[in-house]
Structure formats: C-alpha cells, structure tokens
C-alpha cells in the first residue's frame, strides 16, 4: 500500500512540473494521459490490498479467500487493459516491451481466477507467484533499458515527445532490429526466472521438506473445504468419532459371530426343537461340566 501511494504521488503530484496533472481549465492535457493511466494501475492494487486487510477482520472465512482472489484478478485485469490500450506508441520499442508485459500479466490474471475454483492447488499458486514476480522484474528491466542512454539499441535515439522521452529509430531496419533484441532479451529473462524459481523450490524442499497433509473425502464431496487450523481440529474430531464408531461396530460384529458359533456348537451336541428343550439340554450340559470339574477334587480327597 505504501508503494502504491508513492507511485500515485509520483505520477500525479511530484513528477509534473506544476505538481498537479491538470490544465488551468481542469482538463487532462495530452502529455499527462500516461500519468493517469499509471496511477489507475497503482490505485487498483491499493484497493486490493486495503480490502484484503478488511476481509481478514470482517468477512466470513469461507468467502474471504475467494473475494480476495477476485479483487486480485480485477487489479490484474485493470493493469492488462491499461497496457493494452496505453496512450503511448504501440509501434515503437516501448510498445514491444508493453506487448511482452501483457503476456505475463495475462498469466497472472488467469492463474488468479483459477485460484478461486482450486484454492488448494500448489501448481496454480506457484505459477501465479512466478508471474507476479516476473511482472515486477520486467517493469524494472523496462525502466533501465528504455531510459538509460547506454542501453538504447544501435540506430535508435531518445526523443522528447509530449513532456517525456521516447525511444525512436532512424529507419525501419533499425526498428526491426531493436524489436528483435527486445524479444531475445525477454527470452533470456524468462529462462532466468524459470531456473531461479526451480532452484528456489528445490532449496525450500531441502530446508523444510514436504509436509504431507490428509483431509477427509467428505469435505471434497460436499464442497466444504476447511482452510484454518480450527476447522482442521473439527475435521479431526469427526474422523476420530467415525473411527471409534467403526471400532464399536466391529466389536459388536465379532461378539455376534462368537455367540453364533457357540449356539451352533451346542445345537450339534444337543439337538433341540424348542426353547424349553434347549434350556433342559443346556442345564444338563452345565451339570455334566460341574461333575467333571469335581472328579479331580474327589480323587485328591480319596488319596488323602
């Protein structure tokens, strides 16, 4: 938010010679159109950051992440629209930088929208993070390559137009060469970003390791995915309760099977036709078992 505020102040109040971007009749002059366009981008990200802080304190937990991602997508969409319809020349070297920048912004916009539907996808979050970093780095590269005289391609020069300097080329051949150099530069830049991102990922895995987390299948089936630690505790309670119930049911099943086996054994030894007959035979069995247990006792008494 501080960076966005500083950017807006630079574009509208510090940068202009009169420290305000309007004419005497309160209209926007042509040489300050790009200042308003840049400040709109900064304002979009300022609003995104401000509402993200508000949502952390006020919004419901289930809607907080989706709304924050939606605001981020709106900010990237605003940035893409402004650079696509930029008031600067789209045919020169600066236009080629802007065209390549739009590709990276498009990736950030698409992955942010996909993050609403797939909040737990590591790949989407990883690509979005890489694209956001790439946007900032490419803007810095543009600043150095377009407004540093030593980095201007051969056959081109800096020309003051409508209050700001623009890179122009002497002929079409020099312009085509300059655009080709920008494309090669962007290719090297993307290779460097990808290699750096992969190395960073491998380093983080080596330091922290992968943490395996499990989640109940019912959450995905009902579309109620838990995101915070408190919700995970509730989900764990449900898992433990379900596990305890399953163990009780298994115990009941084993007890029923054990009783059934005993009943079958008694039926084989003492066939019966009615409950009365069963009780009578069962009593006889108890008498015989008692008698058998007493025989060693009487033998020991007789030996004494």
Protein backbone atom coordinates (compact mmCIF):
# COMPACT_ATOMS: atom_id res chain seq x y z
CA UNK A 1 0.00 0.00 0.00
CA UNK A 2 2.87 2.34 0.71
CA UNK A 3 4.42 1.61 -2.67
CA UNK A 4 1.12 2.23 -4.44
CA UNK A 5 0.68 5.52 -2.61
CA UNK A 6 4.20 6.61 -3.55
CA UNK A 7 3.58 5.65 -7.19
CA UNK A 8 0.36 7.68 -7.35
CA UNK A 9 2.10 10.66 -5.76
CA UNK A 10 4.98 10.45 -8.24
CA UNK A 11 2.69 10.24 -11.26
CA UNK A 12 0.20 12.95 -10.33
CA UNK A 13 1.94 15.40 -8.00
CA UNK A 14 5.72 15.00 -7.83
CA UNK A 15 6.51 14.23 -11.47
CA UNK A 16 4.61 17.07 -13.24
CA UNK A 17 6.40 20.43 -13.39
CA UNK A 18 3.41 22.22 -11.84
CA UNK A 19 3.00 19.40 -9.26
CA UNK A 20 -0.53 18.76 -10.47
CA UNK A 21 -1.64 16.96 -13.67
CA UNK A 22 -4.47 19.27 -14.82
CA UNK A 23 -4.65 22.31 -17.09
CA UNK A 24 -5.98 25.66 -15.99
CA UNK A 25 -9.47 24.67 -17.14
CA UNK A 26 -9.24 21.45 -15.06
CA UNK A 27 -8.94 19.20 -18.12
CA UNK A 28 -6.34 16.46 -18.56
CA UNK A 29 -3.61 17.51 -21.03
CA UNK A 30 -2.29 15.04 -23.59
CA UNK A 31 1.17 14.88 -22.05
CA UNK A 32 -0.29 13.72 -18.74
CA UNK A 33 -2.54 10.95 -20.01
CA UNK A 34 0.06 8.28 -19.28
CA UNK A 35 0.39 9.63 -15.72
CA UNK A 36 -3.29 8.99 -15.07
CA UNK A 37 -3.06 5.55 -16.68
CA UNK A 38 -0.17 4.53 -14.45
CA UNK A 39 -1.86 5.93 -11.35
CA UNK A 40 -5.02 3.91 -12.11
CA UNK A 41 -2.95 0.71 -12.01
CA UNK A 42 -1.45 1.70 -8.66
CA UNK A 43 -4.90 2.62 -7.33
CA UNK A 44 -6.26 -0.81 -8.31
CA UNK A 45 -3.59 -2.64 -6.33
CA UNK A 46 -4.01 -0.22 -3.42
CA UNK A 47 -7.72 -1.08 -3.24
CA UNK A 48 -6.89 -4.78 -3.48
CA UNK A 49 -4.51 -4.55 -0.52
CA UNK A 50 -6.90 -2.40 1.53
CA UNK A 51 -9.88 -4.71 1.09
CA UNK A 52 -7.70 -7.75 1.77
CA UNK A 53 -6.91 -6.30 5.20
CA UNK A 54 -10.59 -5.54 5.82
CA UNK A 55 -11.65 -9.05 4.77
CA UNK A 56 -9.15 -10.57 7.20
CA UNK A 57 -11.04 -8.93 10.05
CA UNK A 58 -14.65 -8.77 8.87
CA UNK A 59 -15.50 -11.17 6.03
CA UNK A 60 -16.63 -14.76 6.72
CA UNK A 61 -13.88 -17.33 6.48
CA UNK A 62 -15.40 -19.18 3.53
CA UNK A 63 -15.83 -16.03 1.42
CA UNK A 64 -12.61 -14.32 2.47
CA UNK A 65 -10.22 -16.19 0.17
CA UNK A 66 -12.50 -16.09 -2.88
CA UNK A 67 -13.23 -12.38 -2.55
CA UNK A 68 -9.56 -11.57 -2.08
CA UNK A 69 -8.65 -13.56 -5.18
CA UNK A 70 -11.42 -11.83 -7.12
CA UNK A 71 -10.05 -8.41 -6.17
CA UNK A 72 -6.58 -9.51 -7.23
CA UNK A 73 -7.95 -10.69 -10.58
CA UNK A 74 -9.71 -7.33 -11.02
CA UNK A 75 -6.44 -5.50 -10.36
CA UNK A 76 -4.56 -7.62 -12.90
CA UNK A 77 -7.39 -7.16 -15.39
CA UNK A 78 -7.20 -3.41 -14.93
CA UNK A 79 -3.45 -3.49 -15.46
CA UNK A 80 -3.82 -5.60 -18.61
CA UNK A 81 -6.47 -3.27 -20.01
CA UNK A 82 -4.41 -0.14 -19.38
CA UNK A 83 -1.26 -1.52 -21.00
CA UNK A 84 -3.25 -2.89 -23.93
CA UNK A 85 -4.92 0.49 -24.56
CA UNK A 86 -1.95 2.57 -23.46
CA UNK A 87 -1.73 6.09 -24.84
CA UNK A 88 1.95 5.55 -25.66
CA UNK A 89 3.05 4.46 -29.12
CA UNK A 90 2.45 0.74 -29.65
CA UNK A 91 4.62 0.57 -32.77
CA UNK A 92 7.98 1.51 -31.25
CA UNK A 93 10.42 -0.20 -28.93
CA UNK A 94 8.38 0.75 -25.86
CA UNK A 95 5.32 -0.86 -27.44
CA UNK A 96 7.23 -4.14 -27.83
CA UNK A 97 8.09 -4.09 -24.13
CA UNK A 98 4.43 -3.45 -23.32
CA UNK A 99 3.29 -6.29 -25.58
CA UNK A 100 5.53 -8.81 -23.82
CA UNK A 101 4.45 -7.44 -20.45
CA UNK A 102 0.82 -8.15 -21.36
CA UNK A 103 1.66 -11.84 -21.80
CA UNK A 104 2.97 -12.09 -18.24
CA UNK A 105 0.00 -10.12 -16.87
CA UNK A 106 -2.36 -12.49 -18.68
CA UNK A 107 -0.77 -15.47 -16.92
CA UNK A 108 -1.18 -13.75 -13.55
CA UNK A 109 -4.82 -12.93 -14.33
CA UNK A 110 -5.70 -16.47 -15.45
CA UNK A 111 -3.99 -18.18 -12.51
CA UNK A 112 -5.65 -15.79 -10.05
CA UNK A 113 -9.09 -16.63 -11.44
CA UNK A 114 -8.25 -20.36 -11.39
CA UNK A 115 -7.21 -20.00 -7.76
CA UNK A 116 -10.82 -19.20 -6.83
CA UNK A 117 -12.00 -22.60 -8.04
CA UNK A 118 -8.88 -24.53 -6.99
CA UNK A 119 -7.66 -22.92 -3.77
CA UNK A 120 -5.56 -25.92 -2.70
CA UNK A 121 -3.67 -26.32 -5.98
CA UNK A 122 0.05 -25.86 -5.40
CA UNK A 123 0.82 -25.60 -9.12
CA UNK A 124 -1.62 -22.72 -9.68
CA UNK A 125 -0.30 -20.81 -6.68
CA UNK A 126 3.29 -21.42 -7.74
CA UNK A 127 2.74 -20.22 -11.31
CA UNK A 128 0.83 -17.17 -10.05
CA UNK A 129 3.69 -16.25 -7.73
CA UNK A 130 6.22 -16.60 -10.54
CA UNK A 131 4.11 -14.43 -12.85
CA UNK A 132 3.72 -11.69 -10.23
CA UNK A 133 7.46 -11.61 -9.64
CA UNK A 134 8.02 -11.58 -13.41
CA UNK A 135 5.75 -8.54 -13.82
CA UNK A 136 7.71 -6.52 -11.29
CA UNK A 137 11.10 -7.55 -12.68
CA UNK A 138 10.08 -6.85 -16.28
CA UNK A 139 8.86 -3.36 -15.31
CA UNK A 140 12.26 -2.73 -13.72
CA UNK A 141 14.00 -4.02 -16.85
CA UNK A 142 11.87 -1.66 -18.97
CA UNK A 143 12.92 1.27 -16.81
CA UNK A 144 16.61 0.53 -17.29
CA UNK A 145 16.52 -0.41 -20.97
CA UNK A 146 14.23 2.38 -22.22
CA UNK A 147 15.55 5.39 -20.32
CA UNK A 148 19.25 4.63 -19.98
CA UNK A 149 21.10 6.08 -22.99
CA UNK A 150 23.84 3.43 -22.95
CA UNK A 151 21.27 0.61 -23.29
CA UNK A 152 19.42 2.02 -26.30
CA UNK A 153 19.79 -0.25 -29.38
CA UNK A 154 22.08 0.84 -32.21
CA UNK A 155 20.30 3.02 -34.73
CA UNK A 156 17.82 4.40 -32.16
CA UNK A 157 17.78 7.53 -30.03
CA UNK A 158 15.77 9.22 -27.26
CA UNK A 159 13.33 11.89 -28.37
CA UNK A 160 11.35 14.29 -26.16
CA UNK A 161 7.65 13.98 -27.03
CA UNK A 162 4.71 15.43 -25.08
CA UNK A 163 6.75 16.03 -21.97
CA UNK A 164 8.53 12.66 -21.73
CA UNK A 165 11.32 10.88 -23.56
CA UNK A 166 10.54 8.14 -26.10
CA UNK A 167 12.90 5.77 -27.92
CA UNK A 168 12.77 6.32 -31.69
CA UNK A 169 14.72 4.65 -34.50
CA UNK A 170 16.17 6.19 -37.66
CA UNK A 171 14.62 3.68 -40.09
CA UNK A 172 12.51 0.52 -40.22
CA UNK A 173 15.55 -1.74 -40.28
CA UNK A 174 16.82 -0.28 -37.01
CA UNK A 175 13.33 -0.58 -35.52
CA UNK A 176 13.02 -4.24 -36.51
CA UNK A 177 16.45 -4.94 -35.08
CA UNK A 178 15.55 -3.20 -31.82
CA UNK A 179 12.32 -5.23 -31.50
CA UNK A 180 14.20 -8.46 -32.17
CA UNK A 181 16.66 -7.57 -29.45
CA UNK A 182 13.76 -6.98 -27.05
CA UNK A 183 12.32 -10.42 -27.90
CA UNK A 184 15.69 -12.09 -27.31
CA UNK A 185 16.05 -10.18 -24.06
CA UNK A 186 12.61 -11.38 -22.93
CA UNK A 187 13.51 -14.98 -23.78
CA UNK A 188 16.67 -14.80 -21.69
CA UNK A 189 14.70 -13.13 -18.95
CA UNK A 190 12.08 -15.91 -18.85
CA UNK A 191 14.78 -18.61 -18.79
CA UNK A 192 16.44 -16.85 -15.86
CA UNK A 193 13.14 -16.54 -13.98
CA UNK A 194 12.23 -20.21 -14.53
CA UNK A 195 15.65 -21.50 -13.49
CA UNK A 196 15.66 -19.25 -10.41
CA UNK A 197 12.15 -20.39 -9.43
CA UNK A 198 13.00 -24.08 -9.76
CA UNK A 199 16.22 -23.65 -7.77
CA UNK A 200 14.32 -21.79 -5.05
CA UNK A 201 11.72 -24.57 -4.91
CA UNK A 202 14.40 -27.26 -4.59
CA UNK A 203 16.15 -25.25 -1.89
CA UNK A 204 12.95 -24.83 0.13
CA UNK A 205 12.20 -28.55 -0.17
CA UNK A 206 15.69 -29.35 1.06
CA UNK A 207 15.42 -27.00 4.03
CA UNK A 208 11.84 -27.59 5.13
CA UNK A 209 10.86 -30.83 3.42
CA UNK A 210 7.43 -31.77 2.16
CA UNK A 211 4.65 -31.88 4.72
CA UNK A 212 2.01 -34.45 3.90
CA UNK A 213 -1.48 -33.41 4.95
CA UNK A 214 -4.60 -35.53 4.81
CA UNK A 215 -8.18 -34.38 4.55
CA UNK A 216 -11.46 -36.22 4.75
CA UNK A 217 -13.06 -37.16 1.46
CA UNK A 218 -16.45 -35.88 2.63
CA UNK A 219 -15.14 -32.32 2.58
CA UNK A 220 -14.44 -32.55 -1.15
CA UNK A 221 -17.72 -34.28 -1.88
CA UNK A 222 -19.74 -31.61 -0.07
CA UNK A 223 -17.58 -28.77 -1.40
CA UNK A 224 -16.79 -27.62 2.14
CA UNK A 225 -13.02 -27.48 2.25
CA UNK A 226 -11.53 -26.40 5.54
CA UNK A 227 -8.67 -23.91 5.45
CA UNK A 228 -7.73 -22.94 9.02
CA UNK A 229 -6.34 -24.82 11.98
CA UNK A 230 -9.57 -24.56 13.99
CA UNK A 231 -11.52 -26.16 11.21
CA UNK A 232 -8.92 -28.91 10.92
CA UNK A 233 -9.48 -29.70 14.61
CA UNK A 234 -13.19 -30.11 13.96
CA UNK A 235 -12.46 -32.33 10.97
CA UNK A 236 -10.09 -34.41 13.11
CA UNK A 237 -12.80 -34.81 15.76
CA UNK A 238 -15.17 -36.09 13.10
CA UNK A 239 -12.53 -38.55 11.91
CA UNK A 240 -11.86 -39.79 15.45
CA UNK A 241 -15.58 -40.09 16.17
CA UNK A 242 -16.12 -42.05 12.98
CA UNK A 243 -13.16 -44.29 13.75
CA UNK A 244 -14.42 -45.02 17.28
CA UNK A 245 -17.87 -45.83 15.95
CA UNK A 246 -16.37 -48.20 13.40
CA UNK A 247 -14.41 -50.00 16.12
CA UNK A 248 -17.53 -50.36 18.25
CA UNK A 249 -19.44 -51.75 15.30
CA UNK A 250 -16.62 -54.19 14.57
CA UNK A 251 -16.65 -55.30 18.21
CA UNK A 252 -20.37 -55.87 18.08
CA UNK A 253 -19.93 -57.85 14.89
CA UNK A 254 -17.25 -60.07 16.43
CA UNK A 255 -19.38 -60.61 19.56
CA UNK A 256 -22.37 -61.63 17.45
CA UNK A 257 -20.23 -64.04 15.43
CA UNK A 258 -18.83 -65.57 18.64
CA UNK A 259 -22.30 -66.13 20.10
CA UNK A 260 -23.49 -67.67 16.85
CA UNK A 261 -20.60 -70.13 16.81
CA UNK A 262 -21.35 -71.19 20.39
CA UNK A 263 -25.02 -71.67 19.60
CA UNK A 264 -24.15 -73.84 16.61
CA UNK A 265 -21.81 -75.95 18.73
CA UNK A 266 -24.48 -76.52 21.38
CA UNK A 267 -27.01 -77.40 18.70
CA UNK A 268 -24.69 -80.04 17.29
CA UNK A 269 -24.08 -81.59 20.69
CA UNK A 270 -27.66 -81.30 21.93
CA UNK A 271 -30.18 -81.04 19.09
CA UNK A 272 -33.35 -79.28 20.19
CA UNK A 273 -36.69 -78.35 18.71
CA UNK A 274 -37.96 -75.73 21.17
CA UNK A 275 -36.70 -73.24 23.66
CA UNK A 276 -37.79 -75.47 26.53
CA UNK A 277 -35.83 -78.39 25.11
CA UNK A 278 -32.80 -76.16 24.62
CA UNK A 279 -32.90 -74.97 28.23
CA UNK A 280 -33.25 -78.50 29.50
CA UNK A 281 -30.31 -79.76 27.46
CA UNK A 282 -28.28 -76.73 28.41
CA UNK A 283 -28.93 -77.42 32.11
CA UNK A 284 -27.81 -80.99 31.62
CA UNK A 285 -24.64 -79.72 29.98
CA UNK A 286 -23.93 -77.49 32.95
CA UNK A 287 -24.49 -80.41 35.34
CA UNK A 288 -22.09 -82.63 33.41
CA UNK A 289 -19.46 -79.86 33.30
CA UNK A 290 -19.79 -79.34 37.04
CA UNK A 291 -19.48 -83.07 37.67
CA UNK A 292 -16.38 -83.35 35.51
CA UNK A 293 -14.74 -80.44 37.34
CA UNK A 294 -15.44 -82.11 40.71
CA UNK A 295 -13.90 -85.52 39.84
CA UNK A 296 -10.25 -84.47 40.40
CA UNK A 297 -11.30 -82.94 43.70
CA UNK A 298 -12.84 -86.22 44.95
CA UNK A 299 -9.80 -88.16 43.76
CA UNK A 300 -7.50 -85.89 45.69
CA UNK A 301 -9.68 -86.27 48.78
CA UNK A 302 -9.61 -90.08 48.45
CA UNK A 303 -5.84 -90.11 48.12
CA UNK A 304 -5.55 -88.18 51.36
